[in-house]
Amino acid sequence: MITATFALKKKQMKNILLINGHEFYEFAKGQYNQTLFKVHEDILSKQFNITKTIIEDGYDIAEEQEKFKRADIIVFQFPVYWFGMPAALKKYIDVVYAYGVFFGMGNESSQAGEQPKYGFSNGLMPGKKYMLSITTNAPNEVFNDEDGFFEGKDLEGFLFNVHKTHQFCGMTPLKSFAADNVIKNPQPEAHSKDLEVHLKSTIVTPFAKPRQAAKL
């Protein structure tokens, strides 16, 4: 009876795919990224069914595609290299996000004679949510600064190309998270606590199935 009840609860829980997109270099060995990846797993596994992919460990393309099909929410944890994702994560997207699985040609005009709008009806992963969690050496104050290096962009604007990739596939973004200034001023404990708060407000509270009240 206990086993059957547990299985039912697991079936009712939403599915989350956690992707660790780190790529090893001598100057970026991945400890910070791994610390945050563990926070994702520890917090989200209490309320969701978790599946993981660690890109550096290798992967099977067909298996990854099935993971996406089953997932309700996909969470990416990766470092920013040269203002973009690591090459290994980019390759993963190139080969896993296949035509006919993640996107199609789309019927972009809703009425005859209308000019098609590119990108709005190509996605084959509708209804799925995704969250980006990054580590970066950029300090927090560089975002939203019109005179700063990012020319006024906020975090979501900084991650524009990653967002558009997933929007093209029909997915919907959740609020992103950034652990900033991680080389010059690393604060793994503080960032871990900040990420925990972020996950609870962005994923756990909105999407976890409410616990049933105990019967008196």
N, C-alpha and C. Protein backbone atom coordinates (compact mmCIF):
# COMPACT_ATOMS: atom_id res chain seq x y z
N MET A 1 0.83 -1.21 0.00
CA MET A 1 0.00 0.00 0.00
C MET A 1 0.87 1.26 0.00
N ILE A 2 1.91 1.23 0.85
CA ILE A 2 2.81 2.39 0.92
C ILE A 2 3.51 2.58 -0.41
N THR A 3 3.96 1.47 -1.01
CA THR A 3 4.66 1.54 -2.30
C THR A 3 3.75 2.08 -3.38
N ALA A 4 2.48 1.64 -3.41
CA ALA A 4 1.52 2.10 -4.41
C ALA A 4 1.22 3.58 -4.23
N THR A 5 1.10 4.03 -2.96
CA THR A 5 0.83 5.45 -2.69
C THR A 5 2.00 6.31 -3.14
N PHE A 6 3.24 5.85 -2.88
CA PHE A 6 4.44 6.58 -3.29
C PHE A 6 4.51 6.68 -4.81
N ALA A 7 4.21 5.58 -5.49
CA ALA A 7 4.24 5.57 -6.95
C ALA A 7 3.22 6.54 -7.53
N LEU A 8 2.05 6.61 -6.90
CA LEU A 8 1.01 7.54 -7.37
C LEU A 8 1.46 8.98 -7.20
N LYS A 9 2.08 9.28 -6.06
CA LYS A 9 2.57 10.64 -5.81
C LYS A 9 3.64 11.02 -6.83
N LYS A 10 4.55 10.07 -7.13
CA LYS A 10 5.59 10.33 -8.12
C LYS A 10 4.98 10.62 -9.48
N LYS A 11 3.93 9.88 -9.82
CA LYS A 11 3.28 10.07 -11.12
C LYS A 11 2.61 11.43 -11.20
N GLN A 12 2.10 11.91 -10.07
CA GLN A 12 1.40 13.19 -10.04
C GLN A 12 2.36 14.38 -10.05
N MET A 13 3.63 14.16 -9.68
CA MET A 13 4.60 15.23 -9.62
C MET A 13 5.05 15.62 -11.03
N LYS A 14 5.35 16.91 -11.21
CA LYS A 14 5.88 17.35 -12.50
C LYS A 14 7.31 16.85 -12.68
N ASN A 15 7.72 16.76 -13.96
CA ASN A 15 9.04 16.27 -14.31
C ASN A 15 9.97 17.42 -14.66
N ILE A 16 11.15 17.41 -14.08
CA ILE A 16 12.15 18.44 -14.35
C ILE A 16 13.41 17.79 -14.90
N LEU A 17 13.91 18.33 -15.98
CA LEU A 17 15.19 17.92 -16.55
C LEU A 17 16.25 18.95 -16.17
N LEU A 18 17.28 18.50 -15.46
CA LEU A 18 18.40 19.37 -15.08
C LEU A 18 19.56 19.11 -16.02
N ILE A 19 20.07 20.16 -16.64
CA ILE A 19 21.18 20.02 -17.58
C ILE A 19 22.38 20.81 -17.08
N ASN A 20 23.48 20.10 -16.87
CA ASN A 20 24.74 20.74 -16.49
C ASN A 20 25.55 20.95 -17.76
N GLY A 21 25.66 22.20 -18.19
CA GLY A 21 26.32 22.53 -19.45
C GLY A 21 27.76 22.97 -19.32
N HIS A 22 28.39 22.66 -18.18
CA HIS A 22 29.78 23.07 -18.01
C HIS A 22 30.71 22.37 -18.99
N GLU A 23 31.77 23.07 -19.38
CA GLU A 23 32.84 22.50 -20.21
C GLU A 23 34.17 22.81 -19.55
N PHE A 24 34.97 21.79 -19.30
CA PHE A 24 36.20 21.93 -18.52
C PHE A 24 37.30 22.68 -19.27
N TYR A 25 37.90 23.63 -18.57
CA TYR A 25 39.16 24.25 -18.97
C TYR A 25 39.98 24.42 -17.69
N GLU A 26 41.28 24.55 -17.83
CA GLU A 26 42.12 24.72 -16.65
C GLU A 26 41.71 25.95 -15.84
N PHE A 27 41.25 26.99 -16.54
CA PHE A 27 40.85 28.21 -15.84
C PHE A 27 39.41 28.14 -15.35
N ALA A 28 38.70 27.08 -15.73
CA ALA A 28 37.29 26.95 -15.33
C ALA A 28 36.99 25.46 -15.13
N LYS A 29 37.37 24.96 -13.98
CA LYS A 29 37.29 23.52 -13.74
C LYS A 29 35.89 23.04 -13.34
N GLY A 30 35.02 23.97 -13.00
CA GLY A 30 33.62 23.60 -12.82
C GLY A 30 33.12 23.44 -11.41
N GLN A 31 33.97 23.72 -10.39
CA GLN A 31 33.51 23.53 -9.01
C GLN A 31 32.32 24.42 -8.68
N TYR A 32 32.38 25.68 -9.14
CA TYR A 32 31.31 26.63 -8.85
C TYR A 32 30.01 26.18 -9.50
N ASN A 33 30.13 25.80 -10.75
CA ASN A 33 28.97 25.34 -11.50
C ASN A 33 28.37 24.09 -10.86
N GLN A 34 29.22 23.17 -10.43
CA GLN A 34 28.76 21.94 -9.80
C GLN A 34 28.08 22.22 -8.46
N THR A 35 28.60 23.18 -7.71
CA THR A 35 27.97 23.56 -6.44
C THR A 35 26.54 24.01 -6.66
N LEU A 36 26.33 24.84 -7.68
CA LEU A 36 24.98 25.33 -7.96
C LEU A 36 24.10 24.23 -8.54
N PHE A 37 24.68 23.36 -9.34
CA PHE A 37 23.91 22.24 -9.90
C PHE A 37 23.36 21.36 -8.77
N LYS A 38 24.16 21.16 -7.74
CA LYS A 38 23.71 20.37 -6.60
C LYS A 38 22.59 21.08 -5.86
N VAL A 39 22.63 22.40 -5.79
CA VAL A 39 21.52 23.15 -5.17
C VAL A 39 20.22 22.89 -5.93
N HIS A 40 20.29 22.95 -7.26
CA HIS A 40 19.11 22.64 -8.07
C HIS A 40 18.56 21.27 -7.70
N GLU A 41 19.44 20.28 -7.67
CA GLU A 41 19.01 18.91 -7.42
C GLU A 41 18.43 18.77 -6.01
N ASP A 42 19.11 19.33 -5.02
CA ASP A 42 18.66 19.19 -3.64
C ASP A 42 17.30 19.84 -3.40
N ILE A 43 17.09 21.02 -3.96
CA ILE A 43 15.84 21.75 -3.73
C ILE A 43 14.70 21.15 -4.55
N LEU A 44 14.95 20.87 -5.81
CA LEU A 44 13.85 20.47 -6.70
C LEU A 44 13.46 19.00 -6.53
N SER A 45 14.37 18.16 -6.10
CA SER A 45 14.05 16.73 -5.97
C SER A 45 13.04 16.46 -4.86
N LYS A 46 12.84 17.43 -3.97
CA LYS A 46 11.88 17.24 -2.89
C LYS A 46 10.43 17.32 -3.38
N GLN A 47 10.22 17.99 -4.51
CA GLN A 47 8.85 18.25 -4.98
C GLN A 47 8.60 17.79 -6.41
N PHE A 48 9.66 17.35 -7.11
CA PHE A 48 9.52 17.02 -8.53
C PHE A 48 10.27 15.73 -8.85
N ASN A 49 9.89 15.11 -9.96
CA ASN A 49 10.68 14.00 -10.50
C ASN A 49 11.84 14.59 -11.29
N ILE A 50 13.05 14.21 -10.93
CA ILE A 50 14.25 14.82 -11.53
C ILE A 50 14.95 13.84 -12.46
N THR A 51 15.29 14.33 -13.65
CA THR A 51 16.17 13.63 -14.57
C THR A 51 17.35 14.55 -14.85
N LYS A 52 18.56 13.98 -14.94
CA LYS A 52 19.75 14.82 -15.11
C LYS A 52 20.49 14.47 -16.40
N THR A 53 21.12 15.49 -16.96
CA THR A 53 22.09 15.31 -18.03
C THR A 53 23.32 16.13 -17.70
N ILE A 54 24.48 15.48 -17.66
CA ILE A 54 25.75 16.17 -17.47
C ILE A 54 26.49 16.05 -18.79
N ILE A 55 26.54 17.12 -19.52
CA ILE A 55 27.01 17.07 -20.91
C ILE A 55 28.42 16.53 -21.03
N GLU A 56 29.30 16.88 -20.10
CA GLU A 56 30.68 16.39 -20.17
C GLU A 56 30.78 14.87 -20.03
N ASP A 57 29.75 14.25 -19.47
CA ASP A 57 29.77 12.79 -19.30
C ASP A 57 29.32 12.06 -20.57
N GLY A 58 28.89 12.81 -21.57
CA GLY A 58 28.41 12.20 -22.81
C GLY A 58 26.91 11.98 -22.77
N TYR A 59 26.31 11.74 -23.92
CA TYR A 59 24.86 11.58 -24.00
C TYR A 59 24.48 10.91 -25.31
N ASP A 60 23.31 10.31 -25.29
CA ASP A 60 22.73 9.71 -26.49
C ASP A 60 21.65 10.66 -27.00
N ILE A 61 21.71 11.03 -28.26
CA ILE A 61 20.80 12.05 -28.80
C ILE A 61 19.35 11.65 -28.64
N ALA A 62 19.01 10.42 -29.01
CA ALA A 62 17.61 9.98 -28.92
C ALA A 62 17.12 9.98 -27.48
N GLU A 63 17.98 9.57 -26.54
CA GLU A 63 17.59 9.58 -25.13
C GLU A 63 17.35 11.00 -24.63
N GLU A 64 18.19 11.94 -25.07
CA GLU A 64 18.00 13.33 -24.65
C GLU A 64 16.69 13.88 -25.19
N GLN A 65 16.35 13.56 -26.41
CA GLN A 65 15.09 14.02 -26.98
C GLN A 65 13.90 13.48 -26.19
N GLU A 66 14.00 12.23 -25.75
CA GLU A 66 12.91 11.66 -24.94
C GLU A 66 12.83 12.34 -23.58
N LYS A 67 13.97 12.72 -23.02
CA LYS A 67 13.96 13.44 -21.75
C LYS A 67 13.19 14.76 -21.89
N PHE A 68 13.42 15.46 -22.99
CA PHE A 68 12.71 16.72 -23.22
C PHE A 68 11.22 16.49 -23.38
N LYS A 69 10.85 15.43 -24.09
CA LYS A 69 9.43 15.14 -24.30
C LYS A 69 8.71 14.88 -22.98
N ARG A 70 9.40 14.23 -22.05
CA ARG A 70 8.79 13.91 -20.75
C ARG A 70 8.79 15.10 -19.80
N ALA A 71 9.73 16.02 -19.98
CA ALA A 71 9.91 17.11 -19.01
C ALA A 71 8.82 18.16 -19.12
N ASP A 72 8.42 18.67 -17.96
CA ASP A 72 7.54 19.84 -17.89
C ASP A 72 8.37 21.11 -17.80
N ILE A 73 9.52 21.01 -17.12
CA ILE A 73 10.41 22.16 -16.92
C ILE A 73 11.83 21.69 -17.17
N ILE A 74 12.61 22.50 -17.90
CA ILE A 74 14.02 22.21 -18.15
C ILE A 74 14.85 23.31 -17.48
N VAL A 75 15.82 22.92 -16.69
CA VAL A 75 16.68 23.89 -16.00
C VAL A 75 18.11 23.70 -16.49
N PHE A 76 18.69 24.77 -17.00
CA PHE A 76 20.07 24.76 -17.48
C PHE A 76 20.98 25.45 -16.46
N GLN A 77 22.09 24.80 -16.14
CA GLN A 77 23.13 25.41 -15.33
C GLN A 77 24.41 25.42 -16.16
N PHE A 78 24.95 26.60 -16.44
CA PHE A 78 26.16 26.65 -17.25
C PHE A 78 26.94 27.93 -16.99
N PRO A 79 28.25 27.90 -17.24
CA PRO A 79 29.06 29.11 -17.14
C PRO A 79 28.99 29.90 -18.44
N VAL A 80 29.15 31.18 -18.34
CA VAL A 80 29.22 32.02 -19.53
C VAL A 80 30.67 32.12 -19.97
N TYR A 81 30.93 31.71 -21.21
CA TYR A 81 32.26 31.83 -21.82
C TYR A 81 32.16 32.82 -22.99
N TRP A 82 32.92 33.88 -22.93
CA TRP A 82 32.91 34.86 -24.01
C TRP A 82 31.48 35.29 -24.37
N PHE A 83 30.72 35.62 -23.33
CA PHE A 83 29.37 36.20 -23.48
C PHE A 83 28.37 35.25 -24.12
N GLY A 84 28.64 33.95 -24.05
CA GLY A 84 27.73 32.96 -24.59
C GLY A 84 27.86 31.65 -23.84
N MET A 85 27.16 30.64 -24.31
CA MET A 85 27.22 29.33 -23.67
C MET A 85 28.50 28.59 -24.08
N PRO A 86 28.96 27.63 -23.28
CA PRO A 86 30.12 26.83 -23.67
C PRO A 86 29.88 26.08 -24.98
N ALA A 87 30.95 25.81 -25.70
CA ALA A 87 30.84 25.14 -26.99
C ALA A 87 30.16 23.78 -26.86
N ALA A 88 30.44 23.06 -25.77
CA ALA A 88 29.85 21.74 -25.58
C ALA A 88 28.33 21.82 -25.45
N LEU A 89 27.84 22.86 -24.76
CA LEU A 89 26.39 23.04 -24.64
C LEU A 89 25.79 23.47 -25.97
N LYS A 90 26.49 24.31 -26.71
CA LYS A 90 26.01 24.72 -28.03
C LYS A 90 25.90 23.50 -28.97
N LYS A 91 26.91 22.61 -28.92
CA LYS A 91 26.86 21.42 -29.76
C LYS A 91 25.70 20.52 -29.35
N TYR A 92 25.48 20.39 -28.05
CA TYR A 92 24.35 19.60 -27.54
C TYR A 92 23.04 20.10 -28.14
N ILE A 93 22.85 21.40 -28.12
CA ILE A 93 21.63 21.98 -28.70
C ILE A 93 21.58 21.73 -30.20
N ASP A 94 22.71 21.89 -30.87
CA ASP A 94 22.77 21.68 -32.32
C ASP A 94 22.30 20.28 -32.71
N VAL A 95 22.71 19.27 -31.95
CA VAL A 95 22.42 17.89 -32.37
C VAL A 95 21.14 17.34 -31.75
N VAL A 96 20.77 17.81 -30.55
CA VAL A 96 19.58 17.29 -29.88
C VAL A 96 18.31 17.99 -30.36
N TYR A 97 18.38 19.30 -30.59
CA TYR A 97 17.20 20.06 -30.99
C TYR A 97 16.96 19.87 -32.50
N ALA A 98 16.52 18.70 -32.87
CA ALA A 98 16.44 18.31 -34.28
C ALA A 98 15.14 18.77 -34.93
N TYR A 99 15.22 19.00 -36.23
CA TYR A 99 14.02 19.29 -37.04
C TYR A 99 13.07 18.11 -36.95
N GLY A 100 11.80 18.42 -36.77
CA GLY A 100 10.78 17.38 -36.65
C GLY A 100 10.58 16.89 -35.23
N VAL A 101 11.50 17.27 -34.34
CA VAL A 101 11.38 16.92 -32.92
C VAL A 101 11.18 18.17 -32.08
N PHE A 102 12.02 19.16 -32.30
CA PHE A 102 11.94 20.42 -31.55
C PHE A 102 11.28 21.54 -32.34
N PHE A 103 11.39 21.50 -33.65
CA PHE A 103 10.83 22.58 -34.46
C PHE A 103 10.45 22.05 -35.84
N GLY A 104 9.57 22.80 -36.51
CA GLY A 104 9.18 22.47 -37.87
C GLY A 104 9.17 23.74 -38.71
N MET A 105 8.57 23.65 -39.88
CA MET A 105 8.49 24.82 -40.76
C MET A 105 7.48 25.83 -40.27
N GLY A 106 6.40 25.36 -39.66
CA GLY A 106 5.41 26.27 -39.10
C GLY A 106 4.43 26.80 -40.11
N ASN A 107 3.19 27.01 -39.69
CA ASN A 107 2.17 27.70 -40.49
C ASN A 107 1.98 29.06 -39.86
N GLU A 108 2.83 29.97 -40.28
CA GLU A 108 2.96 31.20 -39.52
C GLU A 108 1.85 32.23 -39.75
N SER A 109 1.12 32.16 -40.86
CA SER A 109 0.04 33.13 -41.05
C SER A 109 -1.27 32.51 -40.60
N SER A 110 -2.00 33.23 -39.75
CA SER A 110 -3.24 32.72 -39.20
C SER A 110 -4.39 32.88 -40.18
N GLN A 111 -4.28 33.79 -41.12
CA GLN A 111 -5.33 34.01 -42.11
C GLN A 111 -4.71 34.12 -43.49
N ALA A 112 -5.49 33.72 -44.49
CA ALA A 112 -5.01 33.79 -45.87
C ALA A 112 -4.65 35.22 -46.22
N GLY A 113 -3.51 35.38 -46.83
CA GLY A 113 -3.09 36.72 -47.26
C GLY A 113 -2.24 37.46 -46.25
N GLU A 114 -2.20 36.97 -45.02
CA GLU A 114 -1.38 37.65 -44.02
C GLU A 114 0.10 37.35 -44.26
N GLN A 115 0.94 38.33 -43.92
CA GLN A 115 2.38 38.14 -44.02
C GLN A 115 2.85 37.23 -42.88
N PRO A 116 3.47 36.08 -43.18
CA PRO A 116 3.92 35.18 -42.12
C PRO A 116 4.92 35.87 -41.19
N LYS A 117 4.82 35.56 -39.91
CA LYS A 117 5.75 36.08 -38.93
C LYS A 117 6.69 34.96 -38.52
N TYR A 118 7.92 35.14 -38.86
CA TYR A 118 8.94 34.11 -38.62
C TYR A 118 9.10 33.81 -37.13
N GLY A 119 9.15 32.54 -36.81
CA GLY A 119 9.56 32.11 -35.48
C GLY A 119 8.47 31.89 -34.46
N PHE A 120 7.22 32.26 -34.78
CA PHE A 120 6.18 32.20 -33.77
C PHE A 120 5.35 30.92 -33.80
N SER A 121 5.50 30.09 -34.81
CA SER A 121 4.70 28.86 -34.84
C SER A 121 5.52 27.66 -35.29
N ASN A 122 6.83 27.75 -35.11
CA ASN A 122 7.71 26.65 -35.51
C ASN A 122 7.89 25.60 -34.42
N GLY A 123 7.62 25.98 -33.17
CA GLY A 123 7.97 25.14 -32.04
C GLY A 123 7.14 23.88 -31.89
N LEU A 124 7.82 22.78 -31.59
CA LEU A 124 7.16 21.50 -31.33
C LEU A 124 7.28 21.08 -29.87
N MET A 125 7.68 22.03 -29.01
CA MET A 125 7.76 21.76 -27.57
C MET A 125 6.89 22.76 -26.80
N PRO A 126 5.64 22.96 -27.22
CA PRO A 126 4.80 23.96 -26.55
C PRO A 126 4.42 23.51 -25.14
N GLY A 127 4.23 24.48 -24.28
CA GLY A 127 3.80 24.19 -22.92
C GLY A 127 4.93 23.91 -21.96
N LYS A 128 6.13 23.72 -22.46
CA LYS A 128 7.27 23.44 -21.60
C LYS A 128 7.91 24.74 -21.13
N LYS A 129 8.30 24.77 -19.87
CA LYS A 129 8.98 25.91 -19.29
C LYS A 129 10.47 25.60 -19.20
N TYR A 130 11.29 26.66 -19.22
CA TYR A 130 12.72 26.46 -19.03
C TYR A 130 13.28 27.60 -18.19
N MET A 131 14.35 27.32 -17.48
CA MET A 131 15.02 28.33 -16.66
C MET A 131 16.52 28.27 -16.92
N LEU A 132 17.13 29.43 -17.06
CA LEU A 132 18.57 29.54 -17.26
C LEU A 132 19.23 29.98 -15.96
N SER A 133 20.27 29.26 -15.56
CA SER A 133 21.04 29.62 -14.37
C SER A 133 22.50 29.64 -14.78
N ILE A 134 23.15 30.80 -14.64
CA ILE A 134 24.51 30.96 -15.16
C ILE A 134 25.48 31.38 -14.07
N THR A 135 26.75 31.12 -14.35
CA THR A 135 27.83 31.75 -13.60
C THR A 135 28.56 32.67 -14.57
N THR A 136 28.96 33.84 -14.07
CA THR A 136 29.63 34.81 -14.93
C THR A 136 30.59 35.65 -14.09
N ASN A 137 31.65 36.11 -14.72
CA ASN A 137 32.56 36.99 -14.00
C ASN A 137 32.12 38.45 -14.07
N ALA A 138 31.08 38.74 -14.84
CA ALA A 138 30.57 40.11 -14.89
C ALA A 138 29.93 40.45 -13.54
N PRO A 139 30.23 41.63 -13.00
CA PRO A 139 29.60 42.04 -11.73
C PRO A 139 28.15 42.43 -11.95
N ASN A 140 27.36 42.35 -10.91
CA ASN A 140 25.93 42.62 -11.02
C ASN A 140 25.64 44.02 -11.54
N GLU A 141 26.48 44.98 -11.18
CA GLU A 141 26.19 46.37 -11.54
C GLU A 141 26.34 46.65 -13.03
N VAL A 142 26.91 45.74 -13.80
CA VAL A 142 27.05 45.97 -15.23
C VAL A 142 25.71 45.82 -15.96
N PHE A 143 24.77 45.10 -15.34
CA PHE A 143 23.45 44.94 -15.95
C PHE A 143 22.60 46.19 -15.68
N ASN A 144 21.71 46.49 -16.61
CA ASN A 144 20.78 47.62 -16.48
C ASN A 144 21.49 48.97 -16.37
N ASP A 145 22.68 49.05 -16.92
CA ASP A 145 23.45 50.30 -16.88
C ASP A 145 23.61 50.81 -18.32
N GLU A 146 22.92 51.88 -18.63
CA GLU A 146 22.95 52.42 -20.00
C GLU A 146 24.37 52.79 -20.44
N ASP A 147 25.22 53.16 -19.50
CA ASP A 147 26.59 53.54 -19.82
C ASP A 147 27.56 52.38 -19.63
N GLY A 148 27.05 51.21 -19.27
CA GLY A 148 27.91 50.07 -19.00
C GLY A 148 28.23 49.26 -20.25
N PHE A 149 29.04 48.24 -20.06
CA PHE A 149 29.52 47.45 -21.18
C PHE A 149 28.40 46.73 -21.91
N PHE A 150 27.34 46.36 -21.19
CA PHE A 150 26.22 45.65 -21.81
C PHE A 150 25.14 46.60 -22.34
N GLU A 151 25.44 47.90 -22.34
CA GLU A 151 24.60 48.92 -22.99
C GLU A 151 23.15 48.89 -22.49
N GLY A 152 22.99 48.74 -21.19
CA GLY A 152 21.66 48.82 -20.59
C GLY A 152 20.90 47.51 -20.53
N LYS A 153 21.45 46.44 -21.07
CA LYS A 153 20.74 45.16 -21.06
C LYS A 153 20.64 44.59 -19.65
N ASP A 154 19.49 44.02 -19.35
CA ASP A 154 19.36 43.28 -18.10
C ASP A 154 19.82 41.85 -18.34
N LEU A 155 19.67 40.98 -17.34
CA LEU A 155 20.14 39.61 -17.48
C LEU A 155 19.44 38.88 -18.63
N GLU A 156 18.14 39.08 -18.77
CA GLU A 156 17.41 38.39 -19.83
C GLU A 156 17.85 38.88 -21.21
N GLY A 157 18.13 40.17 -21.32
CA GLY A 157 18.63 40.71 -22.58
C GLY A 157 20.02 40.18 -22.91
N PHE A 158 20.83 40.02 -21.87
CA PHE A 158 22.18 39.45 -22.04
C PHE A 158 22.10 38.03 -22.59
N LEU A 159 21.04 37.28 -22.22
CA LEU A 159 20.85 35.89 -22.64
C LEU A 159 19.90 35.78 -23.83
N PHE A 160 19.79 36.84 -24.60
CA PHE A 160 18.82 36.94 -25.68
C PHE A 160 18.86 35.76 -26.63
N ASN A 161 20.05 35.38 -27.11
CA ASN A 161 20.13 34.31 -28.12
C ASN A 161 19.68 32.96 -27.55
N VAL A 162 19.98 32.71 -26.28
CA VAL A 162 19.55 31.45 -25.66
C VAL A 162 18.03 31.43 -25.54
N HIS A 163 17.46 32.56 -25.15
CA HIS A 163 16.00 32.65 -25.04
C HIS A 163 15.34 32.43 -26.40
N LYS A 164 15.85 33.04 -27.43
CA LYS A 164 15.22 32.92 -28.74
C LYS A 164 15.31 31.50 -29.28
N THR A 165 16.39 30.80 -28.96
CA THR A 165 16.51 29.40 -29.36
C THR A 165 15.34 28.59 -28.80
N HIS A 166 15.03 28.81 -27.53
CA HIS A 166 13.98 28.03 -26.89
C HIS A 166 12.58 28.53 -27.24
N GLN A 167 12.46 29.82 -27.45
CA GLN A 167 11.17 30.35 -27.91
C GLN A 167 10.83 29.79 -29.28
N PHE A 168 11.82 29.66 -30.14
CA PHE A 168 11.62 29.11 -31.48
C PHE A 168 11.08 27.67 -31.39
N CYS A 169 11.47 26.97 -30.33
CA CYS A 169 11.02 25.58 -30.13
C CYS A 169 9.69 25.51 -29.38
N GLY A 170 9.12 26.67 -29.06
CA GLY A 170 7.81 26.71 -28.42
C GLY A 170 7.83 26.76 -26.91
N MET A 171 9.00 26.86 -26.31
CA MET A 171 9.10 26.86 -24.84
C MET A 171 8.91 28.27 -24.28
N THR A 172 8.59 28.30 -22.98
CA THR A 172 8.32 29.57 -22.30
C THR A 172 9.34 29.78 -21.20
N PRO A 173 9.95 30.98 -21.11
CA PRO A 173 11.00 31.19 -20.12
C PRO A 173 10.47 31.45 -18.72
N LEU A 174 11.22 30.99 -17.74
CA LEU A 174 11.05 31.40 -16.36
C LEU A 174 12.18 32.38 -16.04
N LYS A 175 12.08 33.08 -14.94
CA LYS A 175 13.08 34.09 -14.59
C LYS A 175 14.46 33.45 -14.43
N SER A 176 15.46 34.05 -15.08
CA SER A 176 16.82 33.52 -15.04
C SER A 176 17.52 33.88 -13.73
N PHE A 177 18.61 33.16 -13.47
CA PHE A 177 19.42 33.41 -12.27
C PHE A 177 20.88 33.55 -12.68
N ALA A 178 21.58 34.47 -12.03
CA ALA A 178 23.01 34.66 -12.32
C ALA A 178 23.80 34.72 -11.02
N ALA A 179 24.84 33.89 -10.93
CA ALA A 179 25.85 34.04 -9.90
C ALA A 179 26.95 34.89 -10.52
N ASP A 180 27.09 36.12 -10.05
CA ASP A 180 27.95 37.10 -10.71
C ASP A 180 29.31 37.21 -10.03
N ASN A 181 30.27 37.74 -10.81
CA ASN A 181 31.60 38.09 -10.28
C ASN A 181 32.30 36.89 -9.64
N VAL A 182 32.15 35.71 -10.25
CA VAL A 182 32.56 34.47 -9.57
C VAL A 182 34.07 34.25 -9.56
N ILE A 183 34.81 34.94 -10.39
CA ILE A 183 36.28 34.79 -10.38
C ILE A 183 36.93 35.85 -9.48
N LYS A 184 36.54 37.09 -9.66
CA LYS A 184 37.14 38.16 -8.87
C LYS A 184 36.66 38.15 -7.42
N ASN A 185 35.38 37.79 -7.23
CA ASN A 185 34.81 37.84 -5.88
C ASN A 185 33.87 36.65 -5.66
N PRO A 186 34.43 35.44 -5.61
CA PRO A 186 33.58 34.25 -5.47
C PRO A 186 32.89 34.20 -4.11
N GLN A 187 31.61 33.93 -4.14
CA GLN A 187 30.82 33.79 -2.92
C GLN A 187 29.86 32.60 -3.08
N PRO A 188 30.40 31.39 -3.12
CA PRO A 188 29.55 30.23 -3.40
C PRO A 188 28.44 30.01 -2.38
N GLU A 189 28.71 30.27 -1.11
CA GLU A 189 27.67 30.07 -0.10
C GLU A 189 26.53 31.07 -0.29
N ALA A 190 26.87 32.33 -0.52
CA ALA A 190 25.84 33.34 -0.72
C ALA A 190 25.06 33.08 -2.00
N HIS A 191 25.76 32.72 -3.06
CA HIS A 191 25.07 32.42 -4.31
C HIS A 191 24.19 31.19 -4.19
N SER A 192 24.62 30.20 -3.44
CA SER A 192 23.81 29.00 -3.23
C SER A 192 22.51 29.36 -2.50
N LYS A 193 22.62 30.21 -1.50
CA LYS A 193 21.42 30.64 -0.77
C LYS A 193 20.50 31.46 -1.67
N ASP A 194 21.09 32.34 -2.48
CA ASP A 194 20.29 33.14 -3.41
C ASP A 194 19.57 32.24 -4.42
N LEU A 195 20.28 31.22 -4.91
CA LEU A 195 19.67 30.30 -5.87
C LEU A 195 18.54 29.51 -5.22
N GLU A 196 18.72 29.10 -3.99
CA GLU A 196 17.66 28.38 -3.28
C GLU A 196 16.38 29.22 -3.20
N VAL A 197 16.55 30.50 -2.84
CA VAL A 197 15.39 31.41 -2.78
C VAL A 197 14.76 31.55 -4.16
N HIS A 198 15.61 31.69 -5.18
CA HIS A 198 15.12 31.85 -6.55
C HIS A 198 14.33 30.63 -7.00
N LEU A 199 14.84 29.45 -6.73
CA LEU A 199 14.15 28.22 -7.15
C LEU A 199 12.80 28.07 -6.45
N LYS A 200 12.77 28.41 -5.20
CA LYS A 200 11.51 28.27 -4.45
C LYS A 200 10.45 29.23 -4.98
N SER A 201 10.86 30.45 -5.33
CA SER A 201 9.87 31.43 -5.81
C SER A 201 9.52 31.23 -7.28
N THR A 202 10.47 30.73 -8.07
CA THR A 202 10.28 30.63 -9.52
C THR A 202 9.70 29.29 -9.95
N ILE A 203 10.06 28.22 -9.24
CA ILE A 203 9.63 26.88 -9.66
C ILE A 203 8.79 26.16 -8.59
N VAL A 204 9.31 26.08 -7.37
CA VAL A 204 8.64 25.27 -6.35
C VAL A 204 7.24 25.80 -6.03
N THR A 205 7.14 27.07 -5.66
CA THR A 205 5.84 27.63 -5.28
C THR A 205 4.83 27.61 -6.43
N PRO A 206 5.21 28.01 -7.64
CA PRO A 206 4.21 28.01 -8.73
C PRO A 206 3.85 26.63 -9.27
N PHE A 207 4.77 25.66 -9.21
CA PHE A 207 4.55 24.43 -9.97
C PHE A 207 4.49 23.15 -9.15
N ALA A 208 4.92 23.17 -7.90
CA ALA A 208 4.86 21.94 -7.09
C ALA A 208 3.41 21.65 -6.73
N LYS A 209 3.04 20.39 -6.75
CA LYS A 209 1.68 20.00 -6.37
C LYS A 209 1.52 20.22 -4.88
N PRO A 210 0.47 20.96 -4.48
CA PRO A 210 0.27 21.22 -3.04
C PRO A 210 0.13 19.91 -2.28
N ARG A 211 0.74 19.88 -1.12
CA ARG A 211 0.64 18.68 -0.29
C ARG A 211 -0.80 18.54 0.20
N GLN A 212 -1.32 17.34 0.16
CA GLN A 212 -2.67 17.11 0.65
C GLN A 212 -2.69 17.23 2.15
N ALA A 213 -3.72 17.90 2.65
CA ALA A 213 -3.86 18.06 4.10
C ALA A 213 -4.05 16.70 4.75
N ALA A 214 -3.41 16.52 5.87
CA ALA A 214 -3.54 15.25 6.58
C ALA A 214 -4.97 15.06 7.06
N LYS A 215 -5.47 13.85 6.92
CA LYS A 215 -6.84 13.56 7.36
C LYS A 215 -6.85 13.41 8.89
N LEU A 216 -7.80 14.10 9.50
CA LEU A 216 -7.91 14.03 10.95
C LEU A 216 -8.68 12.79 11.37
